[in-house]
Amino acid sequence: MCPDCRKCKVNFDEYGIEYTFIDITESLGGLKEFLRLRDNKEIFEPYKEKGKIGIPFVMGKNGEDFCDWEKYLVDKGLEVKNEAFGQACSIDGKGC
């Protein structure tokens, strides 16, 4: 459902970045696990303070967790593909 998550998925697929996708809108277990992480990981504090969800969230190897997937791609020298995916999830329209 999340346009930001869909953009992340398309970009990761385009560049062959391996990941396991968990759709928290289709799996109660996936949602519970995400909420457990969101409640306990410091990385989510800025998102919660702004009333955002903090998705997409990527649990990287060696504890390299991040929500800013676009920065991740740019830091790897990759171009972010920004096809139209609809409005963002947050009230202000600036991300989830």
PDB file of N, CA and C in Angstrom:
ATOM      1  N   MET A   1       0.810  -1.204   0.000  1.00  0.00           N
ATOM      2  CA  MET A   1       0.000   0.000   0.000  1.00  0.00           C
ATOM      3  C   MET A   1       0.854   1.268   0.000  1.00  0.00           C
ATOM      4  N   CYS A   2       1.939   1.244   0.716  1.00  0.00           N
ATOM      5  CA  CYS A   2       2.758   2.438   0.901  1.00  0.00           C
ATOM      6  C   CYS A   2       3.523   2.791  -0.376  1.00  0.00           C
ATOM      7  N   PRO A   3       3.322   3.981  -0.916  1.00  0.00           N
ATOM      8  CA  PRO A   3       4.042   4.364  -2.134  1.00  0.00           C
ATOM      9  C   PRO A   3       5.553   4.412  -1.928  1.00  0.00           C
ATOM     10  N   ASP A   4       6.005   4.820  -0.748  1.00  0.00           N
ATOM     11  CA  ASP A   4       7.443   4.856  -0.482  1.00  0.00           C
ATOM     12  C   ASP A   4       8.024   3.445  -0.487  1.00  0.00           C
ATOM     13  N   CYS A   5       7.302   2.501   0.077  1.00  0.00           N
ATOM     14  CA  CYS A   5       7.759   1.105   0.093  1.00  0.00           C
ATOM     15  C   CYS A   5       7.800   0.542  -1.325  1.00  0.00           C
ATOM     16  N   ARG A   6       6.805   0.878  -2.126  1.00  0.00           N
ATOM     17  CA  ARG A   6       6.780   0.392  -3.512  1.00  0.00           C
ATOM     18  C   ARG A   6       7.951   0.958  -4.303  1.00  0.00           C
ATOM     19  N   LYS A   7       8.256   2.251  -4.106  1.00  0.00           N
ATOM     20  CA  LYS A   7       9.409   2.851  -4.791  1.00  0.00           C
ATOM     21  C   LYS A   7      10.703   2.179  -4.353  1.00  0.00           C
ATOM     22  N   CYS A   8      10.845   1.923  -3.067  1.00  0.00           N
ATOM     23  CA  CYS A   8      12.035   1.250  -2.549  1.00  0.00           C
ATOM     24  C   CYS A   8      12.167  -0.126  -3.188  1.00  0.00           C
ATOM     25  N   LYS A   9      11.079  -0.876  -3.210  1.00  0.00           N
ATOM     26  CA  LYS A   9      11.082  -2.234  -3.768  1.00  0.00           C
ATOM     27  C   LYS A   9      11.476  -2.215  -5.246  1.00  0.00           C
ATOM     28  N   VAL A  10      10.898  -1.315  -6.022  1.00  0.00           N
ATOM     29  CA  VAL A  10      11.215  -1.216  -7.451  1.00  0.00           C
ATOM     30  C   VAL A  10      12.703  -0.886  -7.641  1.00  0.00           C
ATOM     31  N   ASN A  11      13.216   0.048  -6.866  1.00  0.00           N
ATOM     32  CA  ASN A  11      14.622   0.423  -6.982  1.00  0.00           C
ATOM     33  C   ASN A  11      15.546  -0.721  -6.573  1.00  0.00           C
ATOM     34  N   PHE A  12      15.247  -1.377  -5.476  1.00  0.00           N
ATOM     35  CA  PHE A  12      16.082  -2.497  -5.035  1.00  0.00           C
ATOM     36  C   PHE A  12      16.059  -3.614  -6.078  1.00  0.00           C
ATOM     37  N   ASP A  13      14.883  -3.893  -6.638  1.00  0.00           N
ATOM     38  CA  ASP A  13      14.776  -4.915  -7.686  1.00  0.00           C
ATOM     39  C   ASP A  13      15.601  -4.513  -8.909  1.00  0.00           C
ATOM     40  N   GLU A  14      15.488  -3.261  -9.305  1.00  0.00           N
ATOM     41  CA  GLU A  14      16.207  -2.742 -10.476  1.00  0.00           C
ATOM     42  C   GLU A  14      17.713  -2.942 -10.334  1.00  0.00           C
ATOM     43  N   TYR A  15      18.223  -2.736  -9.134  1.00  0.00           N
ATOM     44  CA  TYR A  15      19.667  -2.825  -8.905  1.00  0.00           C
ATOM     45  C   TYR A  15      20.110  -4.180  -8.350  1.00  0.00           C
ATOM     46  N   GLY A  16      19.202  -5.132  -8.250  1.00  0.00           N
ATOM     47  CA  GLY A  16      19.561  -6.466  -7.794  1.00  0.00           C
ATOM     48  C   GLY A  16      19.971  -6.522  -6.333  1.00  0.00           C
ATOM     49  N   ILE A  17      19.447  -5.625  -5.538  1.00  0.00           N
ATOM     50  CA  ILE A  17      19.742  -5.610  -4.100  1.00  0.00           C
ATOM     51  C   ILE A  17      18.853  -6.654  -3.434  1.00  0.00           C
ATOM     52  N   GLU A  18      19.480  -7.587  -2.736  1.00  0.00           N
ATOM     53  CA  GLU A  18      18.728  -8.659  -2.093  1.00  0.00           C
ATOM     54  C   GLU A  18      18.027  -8.142  -0.835  1.00  0.00           C
ATOM     55  N   TYR A  19      16.800  -8.595  -0.638  1.00  0.00           N
ATOM     56  CA  TYR A  19      16.023  -8.213   0.540  1.00  0.00           C
ATOM     57  C   TYR A  19      14.880  -9.196   0.707  1.00  0.00           C
ATOM     58  N   THR A  20      14.326  -9.211   1.898  1.00  0.00           N
ATOM     59  CA  THR A  20      13.106  -9.962   2.150  1.00  0.00           C
ATOM     60  C   THR A  20      12.019  -8.927   2.407  1.00  0.00           C
ATOM     61  N   PHE A  21      10.978  -8.956   1.608  1.00  0.00           N
ATOM     62  CA  PHE A  21       9.898  -7.987   1.718  1.00  0.00           C
ATOM     63  C   PHE A  21       8.824  -8.541   2.645  1.00  0.00           C
ATOM     64  N   ILE A  22       8.475  -7.778   3.661  1.00  0.00           N
ATOM     65  CA  ILE A  22       7.388  -8.167   4.565  1.00  0.00           C
ATOM     66  C   ILE A  22       6.312  -7.096   4.463  1.00  0.00           C
ATOM     67  N   ASP A  23       5.174  -7.479   3.950  1.00  0.00           N
ATOM     68  CA  ASP A  23       4.054  -6.548   3.784  1.00  0.00           C
ATOM     69  C   ASP A  23       3.268  -6.518   5.092  1.00  0.00           C
ATOM     70  N   ILE A  24       3.445  -5.461   5.866  1.00  0.00           N
ATOM     71  CA  ILE A  24       2.795  -5.376   7.179  1.00  0.00           C
ATOM     72  C   ILE A  24       1.291  -5.161   7.071  1.00  0.00           C
ATOM     73  N   THR A  25       0.794  -4.889   5.858  1.00  0.00           N
ATOM     74  CA  THR A  25      -0.650  -4.736   5.685  1.00  0.00           C
ATOM     75  C   THR A  25      -1.328  -6.079   5.408  1.00  0.00           C
ATOM     76  N   GLU A  26      -0.525  -7.113   5.127  1.00  0.00           N
ATOM     77  CA  GLU A  26      -1.098  -8.414   4.811  1.00  0.00           C
ATOM     78  C   GLU A  26      -0.804  -9.477   5.851  1.00  0.00           C
ATOM     79  N   SER A  27       0.059  -9.162   6.809  1.00  0.00           N
ATOM     80  CA  SER A  27       0.468 -10.167   7.776  1.00  0.00           C
ATOM     81  C   SER A  27       0.432  -9.576   9.177  1.00  0.00           C
ATOM     82  N   LEU A  28      -0.457 -10.084  10.011  1.00  0.00           N
ATOM     83  CA  LEU A  28      -0.530  -9.606  11.388  1.00  0.00           C
ATOM     84  C   LEU A  28       0.784  -9.874  12.115  1.00  0.00           C
ATOM     85  N   GLY A  29       1.389 -11.021  11.840  1.00  0.00           N
ATOM     86  CA  GLY A  29       2.679 -11.342  12.438  1.00  0.00           C
ATOM     87  C   GLY A  29       3.750 -10.355  12.013  1.00  0.00           C
ATOM     88  N   GLY A  30       3.761  -9.980  10.716  1.00  0.00           N
ATOM     89  CA  GLY A  30       4.715  -8.997  10.212  1.00  0.00           C
ATOM     90  C   GLY A  30       4.498  -7.634  10.846  1.00  0.00           C
ATOM     91  N   LEU A  31       3.229  -7.244  11.000  1.00  0.00           N
ATOM     92  CA  LEU A  31       2.910  -5.977  11.637  1.00  0.00           C
ATOM     93  C   LEU A  31       3.364  -5.967  13.092  1.00  0.00           C
ATOM     94  N   LYS A  32       3.111  -7.052  13.812  1.00  0.00           N
ATOM     95  CA  LYS A  32       3.522  -7.131  15.217  1.00  0.00           C
ATOM     96  C   LYS A  32       5.041  -7.025  15.346  1.00  0.00           C
ATOM     97  N   GLU A  33       5.764  -7.708  14.480  1.00  0.00           N
ATOM     98  CA  GLU A  33       7.226  -7.657  14.525  1.00  0.00           C
ATOM     99  C   GLU A  33       7.719  -6.238  14.229  1.00  0.00           C
ATOM    100  N   PHE A  34       7.113  -5.585  13.217  1.00  0.00           N
ATOM    101  CA  PHE A  34       7.501  -4.213  12.902  1.00  0.00           C
ATOM    102  C   PHE A  34       7.239  -3.297  14.096  1.00  0.00           C
ATOM    103  N   LEU A  35       6.070  -3.419  14.715  1.00  0.00           N
ATOM    104  CA  LEU A  35       5.744  -2.558  15.859  1.00  0.00           C
ATOM    105  C   LEU A  35       6.689  -2.808  17.030  1.00  0.00           C
ATOM    106  N   ARG A  36       7.082  -4.053  17.236  1.00  0.00           N
ATOM    107  CA  ARG A  36       8.048  -4.361  18.288  1.00  0.00           C
ATOM    108  C   ARG A  36       9.370  -3.642  18.001  1.00  0.00           C
ATOM    109  N   LEU A  37       9.829  -3.717  16.761  1.00  0.00           N
ATOM    110  CA  LEU A  37      11.065  -3.032  16.388  1.00  0.00           C
ATOM    111  C   LEU A  37      10.907  -1.524  16.520  1.00  0.00           C
ATOM    112  N   ARG A  38       9.786  -1.004  16.036  1.00  0.00           N
ATOM    113  CA  ARG A  38       9.541   0.447  16.068  1.00  0.00           C
ATOM    114  C   ARG A  38       9.493   0.971  17.500  1.00  0.00           C
ATOM    115  N   ASP A  39       8.946   0.176  18.403  1.00  0.00           N
ATOM    116  CA  ASP A  39       8.852   0.595  19.802  1.00  0.00           C
ATOM    117  C   ASP A  39      10.203   0.560  20.509  1.00  0.00           C
ATOM    118  N   ASN A  40      11.157  -0.193  19.983  1.00  0.00           N
ATOM    119  CA  ASN A  40      12.406  -0.418  20.706  1.00  0.00           C
ATOM    120  C   ASN A  40      13.673   0.095  20.031  1.00  0.00           C
ATOM    121  N   LYS A  41      13.616   0.466  18.777  1.00  0.00           N
ATOM    122  CA  LYS A  41      14.816   0.927  18.079  1.00  0.00           C
ATOM    123  C   LYS A  41      14.844   2.463  18.025  1.00  0.00           C
ATOM    124  N   GLU A  42      15.976   2.997  18.399  1.00  0.00           N
ATOM    125  CA  GLU A  42      16.160   4.451  18.433  1.00  0.00           C
ATOM    126  C   GLU A  42      16.013   5.103  17.055  1.00  0.00           C
ATOM    127  N   ILE A  43      16.325   4.349  16.012  1.00  0.00           N
ATOM    128  CA  ILE A  43      16.251   4.888  14.651  1.00  0.00           C
ATOM    129  C   ILE A  43      14.866   5.448  14.325  1.00  0.00           C
ATOM    130  N   PHE A  44      13.829   4.955  15.003  1.00  0.00           N
ATOM    131  CA  PHE A  44      12.460   5.382  14.714  1.00  0.00           C
ATOM    132  C   PHE A  44      12.040   6.656  15.446  1.00  0.00           C
ATOM    133  N   GLU A  45      12.794   7.097  16.431  1.00  0.00           N
ATOM    134  CA  GLU A  45      12.388   8.261  17.233  1.00  0.00           C
ATOM    135  C   GLU A  45      12.077   9.500  16.389  1.00  0.00           C
ATOM    136  N   PRO A  46      12.954   9.905  15.443  1.00  0.00           N
ATOM    137  CA  PRO A  46      12.622  11.099  14.647  1.00  0.00           C
ATOM    138  C   PRO A  46      11.334  10.946  13.844  1.00  0.00           C
ATOM    139  N   TYR A  47      11.055   9.734  13.393  1.00  0.00           N
ATOM    140  CA  TYR A  47       9.835   9.496  12.617  1.00  0.00           C
ATOM    141  C   TYR A  47       8.608   9.587  13.515  1.00  0.00           C
ATOM    142  N   LYS A  48       8.683   8.975  14.684  1.00  0.00           N
ATOM    143  CA  LYS A  48       7.553   9.017  15.623  1.00  0.00           C
ATOM    144  C   LYS A  48       7.280  10.444  16.074  1.00  0.00           C
ATOM    145  N   GLU A  49       8.335  11.233  16.307  1.00  0.00           N
ATOM    146  CA  GLU A  49       8.161  12.622  16.739  1.00  0.00           C
ATOM    147  C   GLU A  49       7.420  13.448  15.695  1.00  0.00           C
ATOM    148  N   LYS A  50       7.580  13.085  14.419  1.00  0.00           N
ATOM    149  CA  LYS A  50       6.922  13.807  13.329  1.00  0.00           C
ATOM    150  C   LYS A  50       5.584  13.176  12.940  1.00  0.00           C
ATOM    151  N   GLY A  51       5.158  12.153  13.687  1.00  0.00           N
ATOM    152  CA  GLY A  51       3.897  11.490  13.386  1.00  0.00           C
ATOM    153  C   GLY A  51       3.964  10.575  12.182  1.00  0.00           C
ATOM    154  N   LYS A  52       5.168  10.137  11.823  1.00  0.00           N
ATOM    155  CA  LYS A  52       5.337   9.246  10.678  1.00  0.00           C
ATOM    156  C   LYS A  52       5.461   7.799  11.142  1.00  0.00           C
ATOM    157  N   ILE A  53       5.324   6.894  10.222  1.00  0.00           N
ATOM    158  CA  ILE A  53       5.362   5.469  10.533  1.00  0.00           C
ATOM    159  C   ILE A  53       6.788   4.953  10.642  1.00  0.00           C
ATOM    160  N   GLY A  54       7.645   5.376   9.720  1.00  0.00           N
ATOM    161  CA  GLY A  54       9.020   4.876   9.696  1.00  0.00           C
ATOM    162  C   GLY A  54       9.190   3.728   8.727  1.00  0.00           C
ATOM    163  N   ILE A  55       8.412   3.753   7.650  1.00  0.00           N
ATOM    164  CA  ILE A  55       8.557   2.735   6.609  1.00  0.00           C
ATOM    165  C   ILE A  55       8.861   3.427   5.290  1.00  0.00           C
ATOM    166  N   PRO A  56       9.539   2.778   4.406  1.00  0.00           N
ATOM    167  CA  PRO A  56      10.100   1.453   4.561  1.00  0.00           C
ATOM    168  C   PRO A  56      11.255   1.449   5.560  1.00  0.00           C
ATOM    169  N   PHE A  57      11.363   0.350   6.253  1.00  0.00           N
ATOM    170  CA  PHE A  57      12.454   0.126   7.192  1.00  0.00           C
ATOM    171  C   PHE A  57      13.256  -1.044   6.675  1.00  0.00           C
ATOM    172  N   VAL A  58      14.560  -0.871   6.585  1.00  0.00           N
ATOM    173  CA  VAL A  58      15.430  -1.922   6.070  1.00  0.00           C
ATOM    174  C   VAL A  58      16.377  -2.353   7.177  1.00  0.00           C
ATOM    175  N   MET A  59      16.321  -3.637   7.484  1.00  0.00           N
ATOM    176  CA  MET A  59      17.274  -4.209   8.435  1.00  0.00           C
ATOM    177  C   MET A  59      18.430  -4.747   7.612  1.00  0.00           C
ATOM    178  N   GLY A  60      19.521  -4.008   7.635  1.00  0.00           N
ATOM    179  CA  GLY A  60      20.676  -4.401   6.845  1.00  0.00           C
ATOM    180  C   GLY A  60      21.568  -5.385   7.578  1.00  0.00           C
ATOM    181  N   LYS A  61      22.532  -5.873   6.860  1.00  0.00           N
ATOM    182  CA  LYS A  61      23.493  -6.793   7.452  1.00  0.00           C
ATOM    183  C   LYS A  61      24.361  -6.044   8.456  1.00  0.00           C
ATOM    184  N   ASN A  62      24.822  -6.756   9.460  1.00  0.00           N
ATOM    185  CA  ASN A  62      25.728  -6.196  10.468  1.00  0.00           C
ATOM    186  C   ASN A  62      25.130  -5.009  11.211  1.00  0.00           C
ATOM    187  N   GLY A  63      23.809  -5.013  11.431  1.00  0.00           N
ATOM    188  CA  GLY A  63      23.164  -3.949  12.185  1.00  0.00           C
ATOM    189  C   GLY A  63      23.001  -2.651  11.426  1.00  0.00           C
ATOM    190  N   GLU A  64      23.170  -2.685  10.120  1.00  0.00           N
ATOM    191  CA  GLU A  64      23.025  -1.496   9.280  1.00  0.00           C
ATOM    192  C   GLU A  64      21.539  -1.285   8.953  1.00  0.00           C
ATOM    193  N   ASP A  65      20.793  -0.785   9.938  1.00  0.00           N
ATOM    194  CA  ASP A  65      19.359  -0.557   9.767  1.00  0.00           C
ATOM    195  C   ASP A  65      19.134   0.869   9.284  1.00  0.00           C
ATOM    196  N   PHE A  66      18.162   1.050   8.404  1.00  0.00           N
ATOM    197  CA  PHE A  66      17.879   2.398   7.913  1.00  0.00           C
ATOM    198  C   PHE A  66      16.464   2.502   7.373  1.00  0.00           C
ATOM    199  N   CYS A  67      15.978   3.727   7.328  1.00  0.00           N
ATOM    200  CA  CYS A  67      14.692   4.032   6.711  1.00  0.00           C
ATOM    201  C   CYS A  67      14.890   4.850   5.431  1.00  0.00           C
ATOM    202  N   ASP A  68      16.014   5.547   5.338  1.00  0.00           N
ATOM    203  CA  ASP A  68      16.280   6.405   4.182  1.00  0.00           C
ATOM    204  C   ASP A  68      16.917   5.582   3.061  1.00  0.00           C
ATOM    205  N   TRP A  69      16.090   4.844   2.360  1.00  0.00           N
ATOM    206  CA  TRP A  69      16.574   3.970   1.296  1.00  0.00           C
ATOM    207  C   TRP A  69      17.160   4.766   0.136  1.00  0.00           C
ATOM    208  N   GLU A  70      16.648   5.972  -0.089  1.00  0.00           N
ATOM    209  CA  GLU A  70      17.180   6.794  -1.178  1.00  0.00           C
ATOM    210  C   GLU A  70      18.630   7.190  -0.896  1.00  0.00           C
ATOM    211  N   LYS A  71      18.928   7.573   0.335  1.00  0.00           N
ATOM    212  CA  LYS A  71      20.301   7.903   0.720  1.00  0.00           C
ATOM    213  C   LYS A  71      21.195   6.672   0.577  1.00  0.00           C
ATOM    214  N   TYR A  72      20.676   5.519   0.950  1.00  0.00           N
ATOM    215  CA  TYR A  72      21.410   4.267   0.813  1.00  0.00           C
ATOM    216  C   TYR A  72      21.849   4.063  -0.642  1.00  0.00           C
ATOM    217  N   LEU A  73      20.926   4.259  -1.588  1.00  0.00           N
ATOM    218  CA  LEU A  73      21.268   4.102  -3.001  1.00  0.00           C
ATOM    219  C   LEU A  73      22.270   5.142  -3.457  1.00  0.00           C
ATOM    220  N   VAL A  74      22.032   6.392  -3.097  1.00  0.00           N
ATOM    221  CA  VAL A  74      22.931   7.476  -3.498  1.00  0.00           C
ATOM    222  C   VAL A  74      24.336   7.229  -2.953  1.00  0.00           C
ATOM    223  N   ASP A  75      24.431   6.792  -1.696  1.00  0.00           N
ATOM    224  CA  ASP A  75      25.740   6.502  -1.092  1.00  0.00           C
ATOM    225  C   ASP A  75      26.463   5.383  -1.829  1.00  0.00           C
ATOM    226  N   LYS A  76      25.714   4.522  -2.506  1.00  0.00           N
ATOM    227  CA  LYS A  76      26.305   3.438  -3.293  1.00  0.00           C
ATOM    228  C   LYS A  76      26.560   3.865  -4.737  1.00  0.00           C
ATOM    229  N   GLY A  77      26.303   5.150  -5.042  1.00  0.00           N
ATOM    230  CA  GLY A  77      26.532   5.666  -6.391  1.00  0.00           C
ATOM    231  C   GLY A  77      25.440   5.293  -7.374  1.00  0.00           C
ATOM    232  N   LEU A  78      24.260   4.968  -6.864  1.00  0.00           N
ATOM    233  CA  LEU A  78      23.147   4.558  -7.722  1.00  0.00           C
ATOM    234  C   LEU A  78      22.122   5.680  -7.834  1.00  0.00           C
ATOM    235  N   GLU A  79      21.468   5.730  -8.978  1.00  0.00           N
ATOM    236  CA  GLU A  79      20.435   6.734  -9.214  1.00  0.00           C
ATOM    237  C   GLU A  79      19.099   6.235  -8.678  1.00  0.00           C
ATOM    238  N   VAL A  80      18.383   7.106  -7.991  1.00  0.00           N
ATOM    239  CA  VAL A  80      17.064   6.763  -7.470  1.00  0.00           C
ATOM    240  C   VAL A  80      16.041   6.935  -8.586  1.00  0.00           C
ATOM    241  N   LYS A  81      15.294   5.885  -8.845  1.00  0.00           N
ATOM    242  CA  LYS A  81      14.215   5.923  -9.845  1.00  0.00           C
ATOM    243  C   LYS A  81      12.950   6.400  -9.147  1.00  0.00           C
ATOM    244  N   ASN A  82      12.356   7.461  -9.620  1.00  0.00           N
ATOM    245  CA  ASN A  82      11.196   8.059  -8.943  1.00  0.00           C
ATOM    246  C   ASN A  82       9.955   8.051  -9.814  1.00  0.00           C
ATOM    247  N   GLU A  83       9.555   6.878 -10.271  1.00  0.00           N
ATOM    248  CA  GLU A  83       8.307   6.796 -11.021  1.00  0.00           C
ATOM    249  C   GLU A  83       7.147   7.202 -10.113  1.00  0.00           C
ATOM    250  N   ALA A  84       6.057   7.604 -10.691  1.00  0.00           N
ATOM    251  CA  ALA A  84       4.891   8.027  -9.908  1.00  0.00           C
ATOM    252  C   ALA A  84       4.266   6.817  -9.217  1.00  0.00           C
ATOM    253  N   PHE A  85       4.080   6.929  -7.907  1.00  0.00           N
ATOM    254  CA  PHE A  85       3.476   5.853  -7.132  1.00  0.00           C
ATOM    255  C   PHE A  85       2.335   6.354  -6.274  1.00  0.00           C
ATOM    256  N   GLY A  86       1.893   7.559  -6.471  1.00  0.00           N
ATOM    257  CA  GLY A  86       0.818   8.098  -5.651  1.00  0.00           C
ATOM    258  C   GLY A  86       1.348   8.898  -4.476  1.00  0.00           C
ATOM    259  N   GLN A  87       0.448   9.376  -3.664  1.00  0.00           N
ATOM    260  CA  GLN A  87       0.777  10.202  -2.512  1.00  0.00           C
ATOM    261  C   GLN A  87       1.474   9.402  -1.435  1.00  0.00           C
ATOM    262  N   ALA A  88       2.266  10.081  -0.633  1.00  0.00           N
ATOM    263  CA  ALA A  88       2.927   9.442   0.505  1.00  0.00           C
ATOM    264  C   ALA A  88       1.895   9.165   1.596  1.00  0.00           C
ATOM    265  N   CYS A  89       2.286   8.334   2.552  1.00  0.00           N
ATOM    266  CA  CYS A  89       1.360   7.898   3.607  1.00  0.00           C
ATOM    267  C   CYS A  89       1.085   8.965   4.674  1.00  0.00           C
ATOM    268  N   SER A  90       2.035   9.855   4.905  1.00  0.00           N
ATOM    269  CA  SER A  90       1.872  10.809   6.003  1.00  0.00           C
ATOM    270  C   SER A  90       0.885  11.912   5.645  1.00  0.00           C
ATOM    271  N   ILE A  91       0.387  12.562   6.655  1.00  0.00           N
ATOM    272  CA  ILE A  91      -0.592  13.620   6.469  1.00  0.00           C
ATOM    273  C   ILE A  91      -0.033  14.757   5.628  1.00  0.00           C
ATOM    274  N   ASP A  92       1.280  15.075   5.843  1.00  0.00           N
ATOM    275  CA  ASP A  92       1.878  16.174   5.092  1.00  0.00           C
ATOM    276  C   ASP A  92       2.301  15.764   3.676  1.00  0.00           C
ATOM    277  N   GLY A  93       2.162  14.475   3.330  1.00  0.00           N
ATOM    278  CA  GLY A  93       2.490  14.005   1.994  1.00  0.00           C
ATOM    279  C   GLY A  93       3.973  13.890   1.724  1.00  0.00           C
ATOM    280  N   LYS A  94       4.779  13.927   2.771  1.00  0.00           N
ATOM    281  CA  LYS A  94       6.243  13.924   2.588  1.00  0.00           C
ATOM    282  C   LYS A  94       6.893  12.642   3.096  1.00  0.00           C
ATOM    283  N   GLY A  95       6.228  11.540   2.988  1.00  0.00           N
ATOM    284  CA  GLY A  95       6.844  10.272   3.389  1.00  0.00           C
ATOM    285  C   GLY A  95       6.034   9.545   4.432  1.00  0.00           C
ATOM    286  N   CYS A  96       6.469   8.326   4.697  1.00  0.00           N
ATOM    287  CA  CYS A  96       5.743   7.473   5.630  1.00  0.00           C
ATOM    288  C   CYS A  96       6.466   7.400   6.949  1.00  0.00           C
TER     289      CYS A  96
END
